[in-house]
PDB file of all heavy atoms in Angstrom:
ATOM      1  N   ASP A   1      -8.656   8.288 -10.730  1.00  0.00           N
ATOM      2  CA  ASP A   1      -8.296   9.704 -10.872  1.00  0.00           C
ATOM      3  C   ASP A   1      -7.726  10.257  -9.566  1.00  0.00           C
ATOM      4  O   ASP A   1      -6.720  10.955  -9.559  1.00  0.00           O
ATOM      5  CB  ASP A   1      -9.516  10.535 -11.289  1.00  0.00           C
ATOM      6  CG  ASP A   1     -10.038  10.163 -12.664  1.00  0.00           C
ATOM      7  OD1 ASP A   1      -9.255   9.620 -13.474  1.00  0.00           O
ATOM      8  OD2 ASP A   1     -11.229  10.429 -12.930  1.00  0.00           O
ATOM      9  N   LEU A   2      -8.372   9.934  -8.463  1.00  0.00           N
ATOM     10  CA  LEU A   2      -7.898  10.385  -7.160  1.00  0.00           C
ATOM     11  C   LEU A   2      -6.534   9.780  -6.848  1.00  0.00           C
ATOM     12  O   LEU A   2      -5.616  10.473  -6.404  1.00  0.00           O
ATOM     13  CB  LEU A   2      -8.903   9.998  -6.067  1.00  0.00           C
ATOM     14  CG  LEU A   2      -8.466  10.292  -4.630  1.00  0.00           C
ATOM     15  CD1 LEU A   2      -8.257  11.780  -4.414  1.00  0.00           C
ATOM     16  CD2 LEU A   2      -9.491   9.744  -3.650  1.00  0.00           C
ATOM     17  N   ARG A   3      -6.380   8.497  -7.099  1.00  0.00           N
ATOM     18  CA  ARG A   3      -5.115   7.798  -6.835  1.00  0.00           C
ATOM     19  C   ARG A   3      -3.967   8.436  -7.629  1.00  0.00           C
ATOM     20  O   ARG A   3      -2.885   8.670  -7.098  1.00  0.00           O
ATOM     21  CB  ARG A   3      -5.274   6.321  -7.186  1.00  0.00           C
ATOM     22  CG  ARG A   3      -4.154   5.450  -6.667  1.00  0.00           C
ATOM     23  CD  ARG A   3      -4.408   3.984  -6.936  1.00  0.00           C
ATOM     24  NE  ARG A   3      -5.437   3.502  -6.030  1.00  0.00           N
ATOM     25  CZ  ARG A   3      -6.311   2.551  -6.329  1.00  0.00           C
ATOM     26  NH1 ARG A   3      -6.309   1.973  -7.504  1.00  0.00           N
ATOM     27  NH2 ARG A   3      -7.204   2.160  -5.441  1.00  0.00           N
ATOM     28  N   GLN A   4      -4.214   8.744  -8.897  1.00  0.00           N
ATOM     29  CA  GLN A   4      -3.171   9.353  -9.734  1.00  0.00           C
ATOM     30  C   GLN A   4      -2.818  10.759  -9.243  1.00  0.00           C
ATOM     31  O   GLN A   4      -1.645  11.138  -9.206  1.00  0.00           O
ATOM     32  CB  GLN A   4      -3.629   9.397 -11.192  1.00  0.00           C
ATOM     33  CG  GLN A   4      -3.673   8.026 -11.845  1.00  0.00           C
ATOM     34  CD  GLN A   4      -4.310   8.061 -13.226  1.00  0.00           C
ATOM     35  OE1 GLN A   4      -4.549   9.117 -13.787  1.00  0.00           O
ATOM     36  NE2 GLN A   4      -4.583   6.873 -13.763  1.00  0.00           N
ATOM     37  N   ALA A   5      -3.821  11.520  -8.840  1.00  0.00           N
ATOM     38  CA  ALA A   5      -3.569  12.879  -8.345  1.00  0.00           C
ATOM     39  C   ALA A   5      -2.771  12.837  -7.044  1.00  0.00           C
ATOM     40  O   ALA A   5      -1.840  13.633  -6.848  1.00  0.00           O
ATOM     41  CB  ALA A   5      -4.879  13.624  -8.143  1.00  0.00           C
ATOM     42  N   LEU A   6      -3.095  11.907  -6.164  1.00  0.00           N
ATOM     43  CA  LEU A   6      -2.365  11.786  -4.905  1.00  0.00           C
ATOM     44  C   LEU A   6      -0.929  11.330  -5.144  1.00  0.00           C
ATOM     45  O   LEU A   6      -0.003  11.801  -4.483  1.00  0.00           O
ATOM     46  CB  LEU A   6      -3.081  10.814  -3.957  1.00  0.00           C
ATOM     47  CG  LEU A   6      -4.417  11.298  -3.398  1.00  0.00           C
ATOM     48  CD1 LEU A   6      -5.101  10.184  -2.604  1.00  0.00           C
ATOM     49  CD2 LEU A   6      -4.239  12.545  -2.541  1.00  0.00           C
ATOM     50  N   ALA A   7      -0.750  10.420  -6.087  1.00  0.00           N
ATOM     51  CA  ALA A   7       0.596   9.926  -6.399  1.00  0.00           C
ATOM     52  C   ALA A   7       1.504  11.055  -6.882  1.00  0.00           C
ATOM     53  O   ALA A   7       2.701  11.078  -6.586  1.00  0.00           O
ATOM     54  CB  ALA A   7       0.526   8.814  -7.440  1.00  0.00           C
ATOM     55  N   LYS A   8       0.949  12.013  -7.609  1.00  0.00           N
ATOM     56  CA  LYS A   8       1.737  13.140  -8.096  1.00  0.00           C
ATOM     57  C   LYS A   8       2.173  14.065  -6.952  1.00  0.00           C
ATOM     58  O   LYS A   8       3.188  14.749  -7.052  1.00  0.00           O
ATOM     59  CB  LYS A   8       0.941  13.950  -9.118  1.00  0.00           C
ATOM     60  CG  LYS A   8       0.754  13.234 -10.432  1.00  0.00           C
ATOM     61  CD  LYS A   8      -0.113  14.046 -11.379  1.00  0.00           C
ATOM     62  CE  LYS A   8      -0.414  13.253 -12.646  1.00  0.00           C
ATOM     63  NZ  LYS A   8      -1.348  13.973 -13.520  1.00  0.00           N
ATOM     64  N   LEU A   9       1.415  14.078  -5.865  1.00  0.00           N
ATOM     65  CA  LEU A   9       1.713  14.970  -4.743  1.00  0.00           C
ATOM     66  C   LEU A   9       2.725  14.384  -3.759  1.00  0.00           C
ATOM     67  O   LEU A   9       3.316  15.120  -2.973  1.00  0.00           O
ATOM     68  CB  LEU A   9       0.414  15.287  -3.982  1.00  0.00           C
ATOM     69  CG  LEU A   9      -0.646  16.060  -4.762  1.00  0.00           C
ATOM     70  CD1 LEU A   9      -1.929  16.158  -3.950  1.00  0.00           C
ATOM     71  CD2 LEU A   9      -0.133  17.443  -5.135  1.00  0.00           C
ATOM     72  N   VAL A  10       2.917  13.081  -3.794  1.00  0.00           N
ATOM     73  CA  VAL A  10       3.819  12.423  -2.849  1.00  0.00           C
ATOM     74  C   VAL A  10       5.246  12.514  -3.367  1.00  0.00           C
ATOM     75  O   VAL A  10       5.535  12.109  -4.491  1.00  0.00           O
ATOM     76  CB  VAL A  10       3.411  10.937  -2.656  1.00  0.00           C
ATOM     77  CG1 VAL A  10       4.391  10.227  -1.738  1.00  0.00           C
ATOM     78  CG2 VAL A  10       2.003  10.836  -2.113  1.00  0.00           C
ATOM     79  N   PRO A  11       6.159  13.045  -2.550  1.00  0.00           N
ATOM     80  CA  PRO A  11       7.548  13.148  -3.014  1.00  0.00           C
ATOM     81  C   PRO A  11       8.205  11.773  -3.117  1.00  0.00           C
ATOM     82  O   PRO A  11       7.903  10.874  -2.337  1.00  0.00           O
ATOM     83  CB  PRO A  11       8.226  13.993  -1.933  1.00  0.00           C
ATOM     84  CG  PRO A  11       7.386  13.817  -0.718  1.00  0.00           C
ATOM     85  CD  PRO A  11       5.978  13.589  -1.217  1.00  0.00           C
ATOM     86  N   ALA A  12       9.091  11.638  -4.092  1.00  0.00           N
ATOM     87  CA  ALA A  12       9.834  10.388  -4.246  1.00  0.00           C
ATOM     88  C   ALA A  12      10.789  10.240  -3.078  1.00  0.00           C
ATOM     89  O   ALA A  12      11.309  11.227  -2.555  1.00  0.00           O
ATOM     90  CB  ALA A  12      10.606  10.394  -5.561  1.00  0.00           C
ATOM     91  N   GLY A  13      11.009   9.015  -2.658  1.00  0.00           N
ATOM     92  CA  GLY A  13      11.919   8.764  -1.547  1.00  0.00           C
ATOM     93  C   GLY A  13      12.311   7.304  -1.516  1.00  0.00           C
ATOM     94  O   GLY A  13      11.783   6.485  -2.277  1.00  0.00           O
ATOM     95  N   PRO A  14      13.216   6.981  -0.639  1.00  0.00           N
ATOM     96  CA  PRO A  14      13.668   5.587  -0.556  1.00  0.00           C
ATOM     97  C   PRO A  14      12.594   4.700   0.069  1.00  0.00           C
ATOM     98  O   PRO A  14      11.732   5.178   0.809  1.00  0.00           O
ATOM     99  CB  PRO A  14      14.891   5.676   0.360  1.00  0.00           C
ATOM    100  CG  PRO A  14      14.608   6.869   1.230  1.00  0.00           C
ATOM    101  CD  PRO A  14      13.874   7.839   0.339  1.00  0.00           C
ATOM    102  N   PHE A  15      12.656   3.405  -0.233  1.00  0.00           N
ATOM    103  CA  PHE A  15      11.771   2.456   0.423  1.00  0.00           C
ATOM    104  C   PHE A  15      12.140   2.403   1.895  1.00  0.00           C
ATOM    105  O   PHE A  15      13.324   2.377   2.244  1.00  0.00           O
ATOM    106  CB  PHE A  15      11.909   1.051  -0.195  1.00  0.00           C
ATOM    107  CG  PHE A  15      11.253   0.915  -1.535  1.00  0.00           C
ATOM    108  CD1 PHE A  15      12.014   0.864  -2.695  1.00  0.00           C
ATOM    109  CD2 PHE A  15       9.873   0.824  -1.641  1.00  0.00           C
ATOM    110  CE1 PHE A  15      11.418   0.741  -3.927  1.00  0.00           C
ATOM    111  CE2 PHE A  15       9.271   0.697  -2.871  1.00  0.00           C
ATOM    112  CZ  PHE A  15      10.031   0.652  -4.026  1.00  0.00           C
ATOM    113  N   LEU A  16      11.159   2.384   2.759  1.00  0.00           N
ATOM    114  CA  LEU A  16      11.419   2.330   4.193  1.00  0.00           C
ATOM    115  C   LEU A  16      11.592   0.897   4.685  1.00  0.00           C
ATOM    116  O   LEU A  16      12.043   0.684   5.800  1.00  0.00           O
ATOM    117  CB  LEU A  16      10.292   3.026   4.957  1.00  0.00           C
ATOM    118  CG  LEU A  16      10.119   4.507   4.607  1.00  0.00           C
ATOM    119  CD1 LEU A  16       8.941   5.096   5.355  1.00  0.00           C
ATOM    120  CD2 LEU A  16      11.388   5.287   4.890  1.00  0.00           C
ATOM    121  N   TYR A  17      11.208  -0.059   3.859  1.00  0.00           N
ATOM    122  CA  TYR A  17      11.447  -1.473   4.117  1.00  0.00           C
ATOM    123  C   TYR A  17      11.525  -2.164   2.771  1.00  0.00           C
ATOM    124  O   TYR A  17      11.250  -1.544   1.748  1.00  0.00           O
ATOM    125  CB  TYR A  17      10.381  -2.087   5.044  1.00  0.00           C
ATOM    126  CG  TYR A  17       8.945  -1.724   4.752  1.00  0.00           C
ATOM    127  CD1 TYR A  17       8.178  -2.503   3.911  1.00  0.00           C
ATOM    128  CD2 TYR A  17       8.348  -0.608   5.324  1.00  0.00           C
ATOM    129  CE1 TYR A  17       6.871  -2.196   3.637  1.00  0.00           C
ATOM    130  CE2 TYR A  17       7.026  -0.286   5.057  1.00  0.00           C
ATOM    131  CZ  TYR A  17       6.294  -1.090   4.217  1.00  0.00           C
ATOM    132  OH  TYR A  17       5.000  -0.776   3.951  1.00  0.00           O
ATOM    133  N   PRO A  18      11.955  -3.403   2.705  1.00  0.00           N
ATOM    134  CA  PRO A  18      12.176  -4.058   1.410  1.00  0.00           C
ATOM    135  C   PRO A  18      10.974  -3.949   0.472  1.00  0.00           C
ATOM    136  O   PRO A  18       9.820  -4.012   0.903  1.00  0.00           O
ATOM    137  CB  PRO A  18      12.441  -5.516   1.783  1.00  0.00           C
ATOM    138  CG  PRO A  18      12.965  -5.457   3.174  1.00  0.00           C
ATOM    139  CD  PRO A  18      12.267  -4.290   3.829  1.00  0.00           C
ATOM    140  N   GLU A  19      11.277  -3.765  -0.812  1.00  0.00           N
ATOM    141  CA  GLU A  19      10.252  -3.531  -1.824  1.00  0.00           C
ATOM    142  C   GLU A  19       9.212  -4.637  -1.889  1.00  0.00           C
ATOM    143  O   GLU A  19       8.036  -4.383  -2.140  1.00  0.00           O
ATOM    144  CB  GLU A  19      10.923  -3.367  -3.189  1.00  0.00           C
ATOM    145  CG  GLU A  19       9.982  -2.959  -4.289  1.00  0.00           C
ATOM    146  CD  GLU A  19      10.709  -2.694  -5.600  1.00  0.00           C
ATOM    147  OE1 GLU A  19      11.947  -2.731  -5.636  1.00  0.00           O
ATOM    148  OE2 GLU A  19      10.011  -2.442  -6.590  1.00  0.00           O
ATOM    149  N   ASP A  20       9.614  -5.882  -1.637  1.00  0.00           N
ATOM    150  CA  ASP A  20       8.678  -6.999  -1.733  1.00  0.00           C
ATOM    151  C   ASP A  20       7.934  -7.273  -0.420  1.00  0.00           C
ATOM    152  O   ASP A  20       7.125  -8.181  -0.342  1.00  0.00           O
ATOM    153  CB  ASP A  20       9.400  -8.270  -2.193  1.00  0.00           C
ATOM    154  CG  ASP A  20      10.481  -8.705  -1.223  1.00  0.00           C
ATOM    155  OD1 ASP A  20      10.915  -7.878  -0.403  1.00  0.00           O
ATOM    156  OD2 ASP A  20      10.890  -9.879  -1.295  1.00  0.00           O
ATOM    157  N   GLN A  21       8.176  -6.473   0.611  1.00  0.00           N
ATOM    158  CA  GLN A  21       7.511  -6.645   1.897  1.00  0.00           C
ATOM    159  C   GLN A  21       6.223  -5.843   1.898  1.00  0.00           C
ATOM    160  O   GLN A  21       6.233  -4.639   1.637  1.00  0.00           O
ATOM    161  CB  GLN A  21       8.448  -6.185   3.016  1.00  0.00           C
ATOM    162  CG  GLN A  21       7.925  -6.440   4.400  1.00  0.00           C
ATOM    163  CD  GLN A  21       8.957  -6.040   5.447  1.00  0.00           C
ATOM    164  OE1 GLN A  21      10.157  -6.093   5.206  1.00  0.00           O
ATOM    165  NE2 GLN A  21       8.490  -5.625   6.591  1.00  0.00           N
ATOM    166  N   MET A  22       5.097  -6.504   2.197  1.00  0.00           N
ATOM    167  CA  MET A  22       3.801  -5.837   2.139  1.00  0.00           C
ATOM    168  C   MET A  22       3.600  -4.793   3.226  1.00  0.00           C
ATOM    169  O   MET A  22       2.887  -3.822   3.043  1.00  0.00           O
ATOM    170  CB  MET A  22       2.676  -6.867   2.272  1.00  0.00           C
ATOM    171  CG  MET A  22       2.423  -7.658   1.032  1.00  0.00           C
ATOM    172  SD  MET A  22       0.992  -8.709   1.234  1.00  0.00           S
ATOM    173  CE  MET A  22      -0.247  -7.572   1.766  1.00  0.00           C
ATOM    174  N   SER A  23       4.183  -5.027   4.391  1.00  0.00           N
ATOM    175  CA  SER A  23       3.929  -4.174   5.534  1.00  0.00           C
ATOM    176  C   SER A  23       5.114  -4.214   6.476  1.00  0.00           C
ATOM    177  O   SER A  23       5.913  -5.146   6.448  1.00  0.00           O
ATOM    178  CB  SER A  23       2.670  -4.679   6.259  1.00  0.00           C
ATOM    179  OG  SER A  23       2.505  -4.048   7.497  1.00  0.00           O
ATOM    180  N   ASP A  24       5.207  -3.194   7.331  1.00  0.00           N
ATOM    181  CA  ASP A  24       6.254  -3.236   8.347  1.00  0.00           C
ATOM    182  C   ASP A  24       5.736  -3.846   9.650  1.00  0.00           C
ATOM    183  O   ASP A  24       6.468  -3.971  10.614  1.00  0.00           O
ATOM    184  CB  ASP A  24       6.832  -1.840   8.585  1.00  0.00           C
ATOM    185  CG  ASP A  24       5.802  -0.860   9.109  1.00  0.00           C
ATOM    186  OD1 ASP A  24       4.599  -1.148   9.027  1.00  0.00           O
ATOM    187  OD2 ASP A  24       6.210   0.203   9.597  1.00  0.00           O
ATOM    188  N   ALA A  25       4.470  -4.226   9.662  1.00  0.00           N
ATOM    189  CA  ALA A  25       3.897  -4.882  10.840  1.00  0.00           C
ATOM    190  C   ALA A  25       4.376  -6.332  10.906  1.00  0.00           C
ATOM    191  O   ALA A  25       4.537  -6.981   9.872  1.00  0.00           O
ATOM    192  CB  ALA A  25       2.372  -4.848  10.774  1.00  0.00           C
ATOM    193  N   PRO A  26       4.603  -6.847  12.107  1.00  0.00           N
ATOM    194  CA  PRO A  26       4.984  -8.253  12.216  1.00  0.00           C
ATOM    195  C   PRO A  26       3.882  -9.145  11.633  1.00  0.00           C
ATOM    196  O   PRO A  26       2.701  -8.823  11.704  1.00  0.00           O
ATOM    197  CB  PRO A  26       5.112  -8.471  13.723  1.00  0.00           C
ATOM    198  CG  PRO A  26       5.181  -7.113  14.342  1.00  0.00           C
ATOM    199  CD  PRO A  26       4.506  -6.171  13.385  1.00  0.00           C
ATOM    200  N   MET A  27       4.273 -10.261  11.070  1.00  0.00           N
ATOM    201  CA  MET A  27       3.298 -11.156  10.439  1.00  0.00           C
ATOM    202  C   MET A  27       2.249 -11.646  11.427  1.00  0.00           C
ATOM    203  O   MET A  27       1.105 -11.844  11.056  1.00  0.00           O
ATOM    204  CB  MET A  27       4.003 -12.339   9.777  1.00  0.00           C
ATOM    205  CG  MET A  27       4.607 -12.006   8.435  1.00  0.00           C
ATOM    206  SD  MET A  27       3.463 -11.175   7.283  1.00  0.00           S
ATOM    207  CE  MET A  27       2.155 -12.362   7.114  1.00  0.00           C
ATOM    208  N   ARG A  28       2.612 -11.825  12.687  1.00  0.00           N
ATOM    209  CA  ARG A  28       1.630 -12.245  13.699  1.00  0.00           C
ATOM    210  C   ARG A  28       0.503 -11.215  13.792  1.00  0.00           C
ATOM    211  O   ARG A  28      -0.663 -11.556  13.871  1.00  0.00           O
ATOM    212  CB  ARG A  28       2.289 -12.403  15.063  1.00  0.00           C
ATOM    213  CG  ARG A  28       3.251 -13.554  15.172  1.00  0.00           C
ATOM    214  CD  ARG A  28       3.990 -13.532  16.498  1.00  0.00           C
ATOM    215  NE  ARG A  28       3.125 -13.760  17.619  1.00  0.00           N
ATOM    216  CZ  ARG A  28       3.018 -14.912  18.275  1.00  0.00           C
ATOM    217  NH1 ARG A  28       3.765 -15.933  17.922  1.00  0.00           N
ATOM    218  NH2 ARG A  28       2.186 -15.037  19.285  1.00  0.00           N
ATOM    219  N   HIS A  29       0.878  -9.951  13.772  1.00  0.00           N
ATOM    220  CA  HIS A  29      -0.106  -8.875  13.859  1.00  0.00           C
ATOM    221  C   HIS A  29      -0.921  -8.792  12.566  1.00  0.00           C
ATOM    222  O   HIS A  29      -2.145  -8.632  12.598  1.00  0.00           O
ATOM    223  CB  HIS A  29       0.610  -7.553  14.139  1.00  0.00           C
ATOM    224  CG  HIS A  29      -0.303  -6.387  14.248  1.00  0.00           C
ATOM    225  ND1 HIS A  29      -1.131  -6.185  15.319  1.00  0.00           N
ATOM    226  CD2 HIS A  29      -0.547  -5.362  13.394  1.00  0.00           C
ATOM    227  CE1 HIS A  29      -1.842  -5.089  15.133  1.00  0.00           C
ATOM    228  NE2 HIS A  29      -1.499  -4.568  13.967  1.00  0.00           N
ATOM    229  N   LEU A  30      -0.243  -8.905  11.436  1.00  0.00           N
ATOM    230  CA  LEU A  30      -0.929  -8.849  10.154  1.00  0.00           C
ATOM    231  C   LEU A  30      -1.933  -9.996  10.025  1.00  0.00           C
ATOM    232  O   LEU A  30      -3.062  -9.797   9.558  1.00  0.00           O
ATOM    233  CB  LEU A  30       0.075  -8.882   9.003  1.00  0.00           C
ATOM    234  CG  LEU A  30      -0.497  -8.724   7.602  1.00  0.00           C
ATOM    235  CD1 LEU A  30      -1.217  -7.397   7.451  1.00  0.00           C
ATOM    236  CD2 LEU A  30       0.603  -8.843   6.561  1.00  0.00           C
ATOM    237  N   ALA A  31      -1.557 -11.182  10.461  1.00  0.00           N
ATOM    238  CA  ALA A  31      -2.462 -12.335  10.406  1.00  0.00           C
ATOM    239  C   ALA A  31      -3.705 -12.090  11.263  1.00  0.00           C
ATOM    240  O   ALA A  31      -4.825 -12.418  10.866  1.00  0.00           O
ATOM    241  CB  ALA A  31      -1.737 -13.598  10.859  1.00  0.00           C
ATOM    242  N   ALA A  32      -3.516 -11.491  12.433  1.00  0.00           N
ATOM    243  CA  ALA A  32      -4.652 -11.177  13.302  1.00  0.00           C
ATOM    244  C   ALA A  32      -5.573 -10.159  12.637  1.00  0.00           C
ATOM    245  O   ALA A  32      -6.802 -10.270  12.708  1.00  0.00           O
ATOM    246  CB  ALA A  32      -4.162 -10.664  14.652  1.00  0.00           C
ATOM    247  N   GLU A  33      -4.993  -9.176  11.968  1.00  0.00           N
ATOM    248  CA  GLU A  33      -5.800  -8.161  11.281  1.00  0.00           C
ATOM    249  C   GLU A  33      -6.570  -8.757  10.102  1.00  0.00           C
ATOM    250  O   GLU A  33      -7.694  -8.346   9.819  1.00  0.00           O
ATOM    251  CB  GLU A  33      -4.925  -6.991  10.825  1.00  0.00           C
ATOM    252  CG  GLU A  33      -4.480  -6.109  11.966  1.00  0.00           C
ATOM    253  CD  GLU A  33      -5.656  -5.531  12.748  1.00  0.00           C
ATOM    254  OE1 GLU A  33      -6.565  -4.924  12.143  1.00  0.00           O
ATOM    255  OE2 GLU A  33      -5.681  -5.703  13.976  1.00  0.00           O
ATOM    256  N   ILE A  34      -5.974  -9.715   9.421  1.00  0.00           N
ATOM    257  CA  ILE A  34      -6.670 -10.383   8.316  1.00  0.00           C
ATOM    258  C   ILE A  34      -7.884 -11.125   8.856  1.00  0.00           C
ATOM    259  O   ILE A  34      -8.987 -11.029   8.307  1.00  0.00           O
ATOM    260  CB  ILE A  34      -5.713 -11.329   7.558  1.00  0.00           C
ATOM    261  CG1 ILE A  34      -4.696 -10.508   6.763  1.00  0.00           C
ATOM    262  CG2 ILE A  34      -6.484 -12.285   6.649  1.00  0.00           C
ATOM    263  CD1 ILE A  34      -3.542 -11.310   6.196  1.00  0.00           C
ATOM    264  N   THR A  35      -7.712 -11.845   9.945  1.00  0.00           N
ATOM    265  CA  THR A  35      -8.834 -12.572  10.549  1.00  0.00           C
ATOM    266  C   THR A  35      -9.906 -11.595  11.012  1.00  0.00           C
ATOM    267  O   THR A  35     -11.103 -11.811  10.791  1.00  0.00           O
ATOM    268  CB  THR A  35      -8.343 -13.437  11.722  1.00  0.00           C
ATOM    269  OG1 THR A  35      -7.361 -14.358  11.237  1.00  0.00           O
ATOM    270  CG2 THR A  35      -9.501 -14.206  12.351  1.00  0.00           C
ATOM    271  N   ARG A  36      -9.481 -10.504  11.613  1.00  0.00           N
ATOM    272  CA  ARG A  36     -10.430  -9.483  12.077  1.00  0.00           C
ATOM    273  C   ARG A  36     -11.223  -8.903  10.903  1.00  0.00           C
ATOM    274  O   ARG A  36     -12.430  -8.688  10.994  1.00  0.00           O
ATOM    275  CB  ARG A  36      -9.646  -8.387  12.801  1.00  0.00           C
ATOM    276  CG  ARG A  36     -10.483  -7.418  13.553  1.00  0.00           C
ATOM    277  CD  ARG A  36      -9.568  -6.594  14.474  1.00  0.00           C
ATOM    278  NE  ARG A  36     -10.349  -5.635  15.192  1.00  0.00           N
ATOM    279  CZ  ARG A  36     -10.252  -4.322  15.028  1.00  0.00           C
ATOM    280  NH1 ARG A  36      -9.381  -3.821  14.181  1.00  0.00           N
ATOM    281  NH2 ARG A  36     -11.005  -3.512  15.710  1.00  0.00           N
ATOM    282  N   GLU A  37     -10.544  -8.677   9.795  1.00  0.00           N
ATOM    283  CA  GLU A  37     -11.222  -8.175   8.592  1.00  0.00           C
ATOM    284  C   GLU A  37     -12.301  -9.155   8.131  1.00  0.00           C
ATOM    285  O   GLU A  37     -13.398  -8.750   7.751  1.00  0.00           O
ATOM    286  CB  GLU A  37     -10.205  -7.961   7.480  1.00  0.00           C
ATOM    287  CG  GLU A  37     -10.837  -7.590   6.153  1.00  0.00           C
ATOM    288  CD  GLU A  37      -9.890  -7.722   4.974  1.00  0.00           C
ATOM    289  OE1 GLU A  37      -8.753  -8.211   5.143  1.00  0.00           O
ATOM    290  OE2 GLU A  37     -10.307  -7.344   3.877  1.00  0.00           O
ATOM    291  N   LYS A  38     -11.990 -10.441   8.169  1.00  0.00           N
ATOM    292  CA  LYS A  38     -12.960 -11.460   7.731  1.00  0.00           C
ATOM    293  C   LYS A  38     -14.159 -11.507   8.676  1.00  0.00           C
ATOM    294  O   LYS A  38     -15.281 -11.732   8.235  1.00  0.00           O
ATOM    295  CB  LYS A  38     -12.305 -12.839   7.629  1.00  0.00           C
ATOM    296  CG  LYS A  38     -11.113 -12.905   6.688  1.00  0.00           C
ATOM    297  CD  LYS A  38     -11.396 -12.314   5.327  1.00  0.00           C
ATOM    298  CE  LYS A  38     -10.146 -12.310   4.470  1.00  0.00           C
ATOM    299  NZ  LYS A  38     -10.243 -11.419   3.334  1.00  0.00           N
ATOM    300  N   ILE A  39     -13.920 -11.285   9.956  1.00  0.00           N
ATOM    301  CA  ILE A  39     -15.034 -11.231  10.915  1.00  0.00           C
ATOM    302  C   ILE A  39     -15.975 -10.106  10.522  1.00  0.00           C
ATOM    303  O   ILE A  39     -17.188 -10.288  10.442  1.00  0.00           O
ATOM    304  CB  ILE A  39     -14.516 -11.018  12.352  1.00  0.00           C
ATOM    305  CG1 ILE A  39     -13.751 -12.245  12.829  1.00  0.00           C
ATOM    306  CG2 ILE A  39     -15.670 -10.695  13.301  1.00  0.00           C
ATOM    307  CD1 ILE A  39     -12.967 -12.009  14.112  1.00  0.00           C
TER     308      ILE A  39
END
């Protein structure tokens, strides 16, 4: 319910990076964050 309400409030806009890209963070950084999460 919260997710749907928030989605309605966010204005539509262009993708800021490719649609299939999970994050704009470099993969080296993302990999470190994944390991940190597991810790």
